[in-house]
C-alpha atoms as a PDB file:
ATOM      1  CA  UNK A   1      91.201 119.803 113.237  1.00  0.00           C
ATOM      2  CA  UNK A   2      87.606 120.554 112.750  1.00  0.00           C
ATOM      3  CA  UNK A   3      88.350 124.412 113.050  1.00  0.00           C
ATOM      4  CA  UNK A   4      91.256 124.108 110.465  1.00  0.00           C
ATOM      5  CA  UNK A   5      89.362 122.028 108.177  1.00  0.00           C
ATOM      6  CA  UNK A   6      86.419 124.672 108.315  1.00  0.00           C
ATOM      7  CA  UNK A   7      89.032 127.454 107.627  1.00  0.00           C
ATOM      8  CA  UNK A   8      90.258 125.687 104.554  1.00  0.00           C
ATOM      9  CA  UNK A   9      86.802 125.109 103.377  1.00  0.00           C
ATOM     10  CA  UNK A  10      86.006 128.754 103.590  1.00  0.00           C
ATOM     11  CA  UNK A  11      89.289 129.684 101.737  1.00  0.00           C
ATOM     12  CA  UNK A  12      88.366 127.301  99.060  1.00  0.00           C
ATOM     13  CA  UNK A  13      84.743 128.901  98.802  1.00  0.00           C
ATOM     14  CA  UNK A  14      86.169 132.403  98.983  1.00  0.00           C
ATOM     15  CA  UNK A  15      88.575 131.321  95.858  1.00  0.00           C
ATOM     16  CA  UNK A  16      85.919 130.463  93.584  1.00  0.00           C
ATOM     17  CA  UNK A  17      85.307 134.079  92.447  1.00  0.00           C
ATOM     18  CA  UNK A  18      81.745 134.044  93.408  1.00  0.00           C
ATOM     19  CA  UNK A  19      80.420 137.623  93.871  1.00  0.00           C
ATOM     20  CA  UNK A  20      78.526 136.263  97.065  1.00  0.00           C
ATOM     21  CA  UNK A  21      81.761 135.085  98.625  1.00  0.00           C
ATOM     22  CA  UNK A  22      83.168 138.749  98.140  1.00  0.00           C
ATOM     23  CA  UNK A  23      79.987 140.011  99.961  1.00  0.00           C
ATOM     24  CA  UNK A  24      80.286 137.776 103.174  1.00  0.00           C
ATOM     25  CA  UNK A  25      83.938 138.563 104.205  1.00  0.00           C
ATOM     26  CA  UNK A  26      85.042 141.483 106.060  1.00  0.00           C
ATOM     27  CA  UNK A  27      88.497 143.423 106.445  1.00  0.00           C
ATOM     28  CA  UNK A  28      88.821 141.212 109.639  1.00  0.00           C
ATOM     29  CA  UNK A  29      88.167 137.944 108.244  1.00  0.00           C
ATOM     30  CA  UNK A  30      90.161 138.573 105.280  1.00  0.00           C
ATOM     31  CA  UNK A  31      93.470 139.644 107.166  1.00  0.00           C
ATOM     32  CA  UNK A  32      92.630 136.323 109.606  1.00  0.00           C
ATOM     33  CA  UNK A  33      92.531 133.985 106.478  1.00  0.00           C
ATOM     34  CA  UNK A  34      95.673 135.635 104.734  1.00  0.00           C
ATOM     35  CA  UNK A  35      93.711 137.203 101.928  1.00  0.00           C
ATOM     36  CA  UNK A  36      94.635 140.841 102.929  1.00  0.00           C
ATOM     37  CA  UNK A  37      98.327 141.940 103.290  1.00  0.00           C
ATOM     38  CA  UNK A  38      97.396 143.880 106.217  1.00  0.00           C
ATOM     39  CA  UNK A  39      97.672 142.635 109.831  1.00  0.00           C
ATOM     40  CA  UNK A  40      94.708 141.966 111.782  1.00  0.00           C
ATOM     41  CA  UNK A  41      94.015 144.712 114.294  1.00  0.00           C
ATOM     42  CA  UNK A  42      91.299 144.432 117.042  1.00  0.00           C
ATOM     43  CA  UNK A  43      91.100 145.890 120.538  1.00  0.00           C
ATOM     44  CA  UNK A  44      93.352 143.882 122.622  1.00  0.00           C
ATOM     45  CA  UNK A  45      94.532 141.849 119.878  1.00  0.00           C
ATOM     46  CA  UNK A  46      96.970 142.300 116.907  1.00  0.00           C
ATOM     47  CA  UNK A  47      97.874 139.571 114.478  1.00  0.00           C
ATOM     48  CA  UNK A  48     100.766 139.597 111.956  1.00  0.00           C
ATOM     49  CA  UNK A  49     100.346 136.471 109.466  1.00  0.00           C
ATOM     50  CA  UNK A  50     102.683 135.189 107.319  1.00  0.00           C
ATOM     51  CA  UNK A  51     101.371 137.056 104.202  1.00  0.00           C
ATOM     52  CA  UNK A  52     101.563 140.287 105.534  1.00  0.00           C
ATOM     53  CA  UNK A  53     103.374 142.882 103.256  1.00  0.00           C
ATOM     54  CA  UNK A  54     103.483 146.755 102.976  1.00  0.00           C
ATOM     55  CA  UNK A  55     102.117 147.092  99.359  1.00  0.00           C
ATOM     56  CA  UNK A  56     103.940 149.435  96.873  1.00  0.00           C
ATOM     57  CA  UNK A  57     101.947 152.456  95.632  1.00  0.00           C
ATOM     58  CA  UNK A  58     100.305 155.612  96.875  1.00  0.00           C
ATOM     59  CA  UNK A  59      97.148 156.138  98.609  1.00  0.00           C
ATOM     60  CA  UNK A  60      94.514 158.317  96.964  1.00  0.00           C
ATOM     61  CA  UNK A  61      92.794 161.044  98.759  1.00  0.00           C
ATOM     62  CA  UNK A  62      89.633 158.881  98.952  1.00  0.00           C
ATOM     63  CA  UNK A  63      91.209 155.951 100.497  1.00  0.00           C
ATOM     64  CA  UNK A  64      92.010 158.406 103.588  1.00  0.00           C
ATOM     65  CA  UNK A  65      88.185 158.558 104.343  1.00  0.00           C
ATOM     66  CA  UNK A  66      87.308 154.942 103.247  1.00  0.00           C
ATOM     67  CA  UNK A  67      89.775 153.034 105.056  1.00  0.00           C
ATOM     68  CA  UNK A  68      91.546 152.343 101.946  1.00  0.00           C
ATOM     69  CA  UNK A  69      88.948 150.846  99.863  1.00  0.00           C
ATOM     70  CA  UNK A  70      87.624 152.343  96.420  1.00  0.00           C
ATOM     71  CA  UNK A  71      84.312 150.906  95.010  1.00  0.00           C
ATOM     72  CA  UNK A  72      86.317 149.706  91.977  1.00  0.00           C
ATOM     73  CA  UNK A  73      88.578 147.463  94.385  1.00  0.00           C
ATOM     74  CA  UNK A  74      86.122 144.665  94.041  1.00  0.00           C
ATOM     75  CA  UNK A  75      84.698 144.367  90.711  1.00  0.00           C
ATOM     76  CA  UNK A  76      81.119 143.016  90.375  1.00  0.00           C
ATOM     77  CA  UNK A  77      82.223 139.873  88.681  1.00  0.00           C
ATOM     78  CA  UNK A  78      85.978 139.344  89.330  1.00  0.00           C
ATOM     79  CA  UNK A  79      87.699 136.449  87.149  1.00  0.00           C
ATOM     80  CA  UNK A  80      88.962 135.320  90.648  1.00  0.00           C
ATOM     81  CA  UNK A  81      88.170 136.171  94.137  1.00  0.00           C
ATOM     82  CA  UNK A  82      91.380 138.247  95.227  1.00  0.00           C
ATOM     83  CA  UNK A  83      89.906 140.496  98.231  1.00  0.00           C
ATOM     84  CA  UNK A  84      93.465 142.330  98.331  1.00  0.00           C
ATOM     85  CA  UNK A  85      93.547 145.557  99.939  1.00  0.00           C
ATOM     86  CA  UNK A  86      94.781 148.645  97.317  1.00  0.00           C
ATOM     87  CA  UNK A  87      97.027 150.156  99.654  1.00  0.00           C
ATOM     88  CA  UNK A  88      98.378 148.939 102.887  1.00  0.00           C
ATOM     89  CA  UNK A  89      96.573 150.132 106.269  1.00  0.00           C
ATOM     90  CA  UNK A  90     100.114 151.422 107.580  1.00  0.00           C
ATOM     91  CA  UNK A  91     100.350 154.020 104.713  1.00  0.00           C
ATOM     92  CA  UNK A  92      97.037 155.211 105.281  1.00  0.00           C
ATOM     93  CA  UNK A  93      97.558 155.700 109.213  1.00  0.00           C
ATOM     94  CA  UNK A  94     100.747 157.612 108.000  1.00  0.00           C
ATOM     95  CA  UNK A  95      98.731 159.663 105.892  1.00  0.00           C
ATOM     96  CA  UNK A  96      95.964 160.472 108.207  1.00  0.00           C
ATOM     97  CA  UNK A  97      98.753 161.233 111.051  1.00  0.00           C
ATOM     98  CA  UNK A  98     100.726 163.723 108.750  1.00  0.00           C
ATOM     99  CA  UNK A  99      97.259 165.522 107.979  1.00  0.00           C
ATOM    100  CA  UNK A 100      96.269 165.521 111.642  1.00  0.00           C
ATOM    101  CA  UNK A 101      99.736 166.881 112.594  1.00  0.00           C
ATOM    102  CA  UNK A 102      99.313 169.565 110.162  1.00  0.00           C
ATOM    103  CA  UNK A 103      95.891 170.315 111.833  1.00  0.00           C
ATOM    104  CA  UNK A 104      93.930 169.627 108.868  1.00  0.00           C
ATOM    105  CA  UNK A 105      92.111 166.345 110.239  1.00  0.00           C
ATOM    106  CA  UNK A 106      90.335 166.225 113.539  1.00  0.00           C
ATOM    107  CA  UNK A 107      91.261 162.423 113.775  1.00  0.00           C
ATOM    108  CA  UNK A 108      93.878 162.976 116.355  1.00  0.00           C
ATOM    109  CA  UNK A 109      94.609 165.597 118.909  1.00  0.00           C
ATOM    110  CA  UNK A 110      97.996 167.565 118.546  1.00  0.00           C
ATOM    111  CA  UNK A 111      99.721 165.623 121.376  1.00  0.00           C
ATOM    112  CA  UNK A 112      98.910 162.306 120.111  1.00  0.00           C
ATOM    113  CA  UNK A 113      99.831 163.231 116.416  1.00  0.00           C
ATOM    114  CA  UNK A 114     103.086 164.621 117.634  1.00  0.00           C
ATOM    115  CA  UNK A 115     104.031 161.473 119.706  1.00  0.00           C
ATOM    116  CA  UNK A 116     103.144 159.047 116.902  1.00  0.00           C
ATOM    117  CA  UNK A 117     104.918 161.189 114.285  1.00  0.00           C
ATOM    118  CA  UNK A 118     108.100 161.251 116.595  1.00  0.00           C
ATOM    119  CA  UNK A 119     107.930 157.700 117.019  1.00  0.00           C
ATOM    120  CA  UNK A 120     107.565 156.697 113.283  1.00  0.00           C
ATOM    121  CA  UNK A 121     110.523 159.045 112.709  1.00  0.00           C
ATOM    122  CA  UNK A 122     112.671 157.400 115.326  1.00  0.00           C
ATOM    123  CA  UNK A 123     111.854 154.053 113.678  1.00  0.00           C
ATOM    124  CA  UNK A 124     112.979 155.357 110.154  1.00  0.00           C
ATOM    125  CA  UNK A 125     116.181 157.076 111.688  1.00  0.00           C
ATOM    126  CA  UNK A 126     116.968 153.593 113.552  1.00  0.00           C
ATOM    127  CA  UNK A 127     116.419 151.308 110.733  1.00  0.00           C
ATOM    128  CA  UNK A 128     116.888 153.406 107.522  1.00  0.00           C
ATOM    129  CA  UNK A 129     118.601 156.718 108.343  1.00  0.00           C
ATOM    130  CA  UNK A 130     115.834 158.690 107.049  1.00  0.00           C
ATOM    131  CA  UNK A 131     112.894 161.006 108.329  1.00  0.00           C
ATOM    132  CA  UNK A 132     109.476 161.347 106.877  1.00  0.00           C
ATOM    133  CA  UNK A 133     109.118 164.940 105.996  1.00  0.00           C
ATOM    134  CA  UNK A 134     106.307 165.632 103.325  1.00  0.00           C
ATOM    135  CA  UNK A 135     103.532 164.115 101.303  1.00  0.00           C
ATOM    136  CA  UNK A 136     103.918 164.775  97.630  1.00  0.00           C
ATOM    137  CA  UNK A 137     100.675 165.044  95.466  1.00  0.00           C
ATOM    138  CA  UNK A 138     100.846 163.063  92.130  1.00  0.00           C
ATOM    139  CA  UNK A 139      98.812 163.600  89.020  1.00  0.00           C
ATOM    140  CA  UNK A 140      96.676 160.655  89.619  1.00  0.00           C
ATOM    141  CA  UNK A 141      94.908 162.123  92.643  1.00  0.00           C
ATOM    142  CA  UNK A 142      97.189 160.195  95.167  1.00  0.00           C
ATOM    143  CA  UNK A 143      99.893 161.194  97.654  1.00  0.00           C
ATOM    144  CA  UNK A 144     103.427 159.876  98.211  1.00  0.00           C
ATOM    145  CA  UNK A 145     105.117 159.550 101.270  1.00  0.00           C
ATOM    146  CA  UNK A 146     108.561 161.430 100.921  1.00  0.00           C
ATOM    147  CA  UNK A 147     111.643 160.368 103.079  1.00  0.00           C
ATOM    148  CA  UNK A 148     114.788 162.505 103.507  1.00  0.00           C
ATOM    149  CA  UNK A 149     118.310 161.225 104.343  1.00  0.00           C
ATOM    150  CA  UNK A 150     119.310 162.542 107.474  1.00  0.00           C
ATOM    151  CA  UNK A 151     122.630 163.394 106.314  1.00  0.00           C
ATOM    152  CA  UNK A 152     121.214 165.463 103.640  1.00  0.00           C
ATOM    153  CA  UNK A 153     120.538 164.709  99.974  1.00  0.00           C
ATOM    154  CA  UNK A 154     117.486 164.403  97.923  1.00  0.00           C
ATOM    155  CA  UNK A 155     114.040 163.063  99.138  1.00  0.00           C
ATOM    156  CA  UNK A 156     112.840 159.805  97.820  1.00  0.00           C
ATOM    157  CA  UNK A 157     109.555 157.587  98.001  1.00  0.00           C
ATOM    158  CA  UNK A 158     108.746 155.611 101.029  1.00  0.00           C
ATOM    159  CA  UNK A 159     108.555 152.689  98.372  1.00  0.00           C
ATOM    160  CA  UNK A 160     112.516 153.375  97.851  1.00  0.00           C
ATOM    161  CA  UNK A 161     113.112 151.523 101.246  1.00  0.00           C
ATOM    162  CA  UNK A 162     114.041 147.767 101.038  1.00  0.00           C
ATOM    163  CA  UNK A 163     111.063 145.169 102.111  1.00  0.00           C
ATOM    164  CA  UNK A 164     113.006 144.228 105.319  1.00  0.00           C
ATOM    165  CA  UNK A 165     113.029 148.130 106.059  1.00  0.00           C
ATOM    166  CA  UNK A 166     109.370 148.619 105.497  1.00  0.00           C
ATOM    167  CA  UNK A 167     108.527 145.305 107.382  1.00  0.00           C
ATOM    168  CA  UNK A 168     110.388 146.126 110.351  1.00  0.00           C
ATOM    169  CA  UNK A 169     109.298 149.573 110.822  1.00  0.00           C
ATOM    170  CA  UNK A 170     105.656 149.264 110.040  1.00  0.00           C
ATOM    171  CA  UNK A 171     105.238 146.372 112.306  1.00  0.00           C
ATOM    172  CA  UNK A 172     107.123 148.053 115.290  1.00  0.00           C
ATOM    173  CA  UNK A 173     105.087 151.171 114.626  1.00  0.00           C
ATOM    174  CA  UNK A 174     101.743 149.518 114.328  1.00  0.00           C
ATOM    175  CA  UNK A 175     102.285 147.454 117.448  1.00  0.00           C
ATOM    176  CA  UNK A 176     103.286 150.426 119.675  1.00  0.00           C
ATOM    177  CA  UNK A 177     100.476 152.483 118.245  1.00  0.00           C
ATOM    178  CA  UNK A 178      97.659 150.109 118.952  1.00  0.00           C
ATOM    179  CA  UNK A 179      98.901 148.707 122.414  1.00  0.00           C
ATOM    180  CA  UNK A 180     100.334 152.011 123.933  1.00  0.00           C
ATOM    181  CA  UNK A 181      96.899 152.646 125.497  1.00  0.00           C
ATOM    182  CA  UNK A 182      95.426 149.210 125.609  1.00  0.00           C
ATOM    183  CA  UNK A 183      97.934 146.279 126.147  1.00  0.00           C
ATOM    184  CA  UNK A 184      96.925 143.095 124.757  1.00  0.00           C
ATOM    185  CA  UNK A 185      97.956 139.904 122.806  1.00  0.00           C
ATOM    186  CA  UNK A 186     100.249 140.305 119.814  1.00  0.00           C
ATOM    187  CA  UNK A 187     100.501 137.183 117.606  1.00  0.00           C
ATOM    188  CA  UNK A 188     103.465 137.308 114.968  1.00  0.00           C
ATOM    189  CA  UNK A 189     103.840 134.363 112.560  1.00  0.00           C
ATOM    190  CA  UNK A 190     107.561 134.403 111.392  1.00  0.00           C
ATOM    191  CA  UNK A 191     108.766 137.768 112.695  1.00  0.00           C
ATOM    192  CA  UNK A 192     112.111 137.027 110.469  1.00  0.00           C
ATOM    193  CA  UNK A 193     110.241 137.430 107.316  1.00  0.00           C
ATOM    194  CA  UNK A 194     112.067 139.988 104.842  1.00  0.00           C
ATOM    195  CA  UNK A 195     114.726 140.814 107.793  1.00  0.00           C
ATOM    196  CA  UNK A 196     118.207 140.500 107.539  1.00  0.00           C
ATOM    197  CA  UNK A 197     119.999 138.046 110.136  1.00  0.00           C
ATOM    198  CA  UNK A 198     121.154 141.211 111.903  1.00  0.00           C
ATOM    199  CA  UNK A 199     117.674 142.388 113.059  1.00  0.00           C
ATOM    200  CA  UNK A 200     116.403 138.833 114.118  1.00  0.00           C
ATOM    201  CA  UNK A 201     117.244 139.369 117.726  1.00  0.00           C
ATOM    202  CA  UNK A 202     117.261 143.106 117.982  1.00  0.00           C
ATOM    203  CA  UNK A 203     113.598 142.941 116.694  1.00  0.00           C
ATOM    204  CA  UNK A 204     112.427 140.924 119.519  1.00  0.00           C
ATOM    205  CA  UNK A 205     114.382 143.327 121.923  1.00  0.00           C
ATOM    206  CA  UNK A 206     112.600 146.161 120.237  1.00  0.00           C
ATOM    207  CA  UNK A 207     109.306 144.689 120.581  1.00  0.00           C
ATOM    208  CA  UNK A 208     109.620 144.483 124.321  1.00  0.00           C
ATOM    209  CA  UNK A 209     110.799 148.090 124.750  1.00  0.00           C
ATOM    210  CA  UNK A 210     107.941 149.338 122.620  1.00  0.00           C
ATOM    211  CA  UNK A 211     105.208 147.102 124.311  1.00  0.00           C
ATOM    212  CA  UNK A 212     106.376 145.915 127.507  1.00  0.00           C
ATOM    213  CA  UNK A 213     102.848 145.457 129.041  1.00  0.00           C
ATOM    214  CA  UNK A 214     101.617 143.247 126.016  1.00  0.00           C
ATOM    215  CA  UNK A 215     101.669 139.383 125.835  1.00  0.00           C
ATOM    216  CA  UNK A 216     103.792 138.156 122.567  1.00  0.00           C
ATOM    217  CA  UNK A 217     103.039 134.721 121.039  1.00  0.00           C
ATOM    218  CA  UNK A 218     105.705 134.365 118.175  1.00  0.00           C
ATOM    219  CA  UNK A 219     106.041 131.526 115.736  1.00  0.00           C
ATOM    220  CA  UNK A 220     109.332 131.180 114.035  1.00  0.00           C
ATOM    221  CA  UNK A 221     112.032 129.286 112.034  1.00  0.00           C
ATOM    222  CA  UNK A 222     114.811 131.720 113.524  1.00  0.00           C
ATOM    223  CA  UNK A 223     117.310 130.519 116.066  1.00  0.00           C
ATOM    224  CA  UNK A 224     117.904 134.048 117.106  1.00  0.00           C
ATOM    225  CA  UNK A 225     114.249 135.033 117.558  1.00  0.00           C
ATOM    226  CA  UNK A 226     113.726 131.380 119.295  1.00  0.00           C
ATOM    227  CA  UNK A 227     116.713 131.872 121.493  1.00  0.00           C
ATOM    228  CA  UNK A 228     115.681 135.237 122.728  1.00  0.00           C
ATOM    229  CA  UNK A 229     112.880 134.074 124.702  1.00  0.00           C
ATOM    230  CA  UNK A 230     113.425 132.436 128.212  1.00  0.00           C
ATOM    231  CA  UNK A 231     113.794 128.730 128.117  1.00  0.00           C
ATOM    232  CA  UNK A 232     110.476 128.202 130.303  1.00  0.00           C
ATOM    233  CA  UNK A 233     108.753 130.176 127.787  1.00  0.00           C
ATOM    234  CA  UNK A 234     109.646 128.276 124.456  1.00  0.00           C
ATOM    235  CA  UNK A 235     108.135 125.504 122.756  1.00  0.00           C
ATOM    236  CA  UNK A 236     110.118 123.422 119.956  1.00  0.00           C
ATOM    237  CA  UNK A 237     108.321 121.463 117.673  1.00  0.00           C
ATOM    238  CA  UNK A 238     110.036 118.595 115.832  1.00  0.00           C
ATOM    239  CA  UNK A 239     109.307 115.853 113.414  1.00  0.00           C
ATOM    240  CA  UNK A 240     109.243 112.461 115.089  1.00  0.00           C
ATOM    241  CA  UNK A 241     107.872 109.603 112.769  1.00  0.00           C
ATOM    242  CA  UNK A 242     105.937 111.897 110.778  1.00  0.00           C
ATOM    243  CA  UNK A 243     104.120 113.717 113.580  1.00  0.00           C
ATOM    244  CA  UNK A 244     104.909 116.953 115.304  1.00  0.00           C
ATOM    245  CA  UNK A 245     105.891 116.897 118.994  1.00  0.00           C
ATOM    246  CA  UNK A 246     106.969 119.640 121.482  1.00  0.00           C
END
């Protein structure tokens, strides 16, 4: 309870719009507190909070180097402290991946870039029937992720996918990418967010397929997600006379 109260006090302080508040919070803390739409990714720990979202918009080239932040992202005296990322970290990772695969960046070796590109396109094909084929330069110095239907047709922006498609593809890809060499603990709050009912149970199955050596701790309101776990691995919280019991 004391920890929860401290977190709430910190959230209140950071919401005051104080310039000093903006200076003391890092990317990890912003994700942990739900100020950022990006998940929290640390060695051995991946945390997807319920505020997560793959934001619309195209990354500028400078963001690829500066981890998605430009100086103008945090005005000196904002009317209200809203430390949001400009572009989702997932999109930045994809741009870096494609640049590395084209042998333009040295951030990944050829084999690693090929493996990650194949995994991403497998997920895109599975959940959207498309593949990521190119980057399109835009007049504002940004680059757009372009998708091509597997059955043929005109390419379109990654933002043309539904929120559910973007959610399940980005979540599965990030978990696979950040646990394949170092299995760890993956925390997911409400994995069913934005997903249609058909994907609730299949999502959990895919999690175990792509990260079989990691430990998953999931909080959910979905009966399908809850029912997927073995009975001895489930905890049901119910209200009883105003109190939560398990």
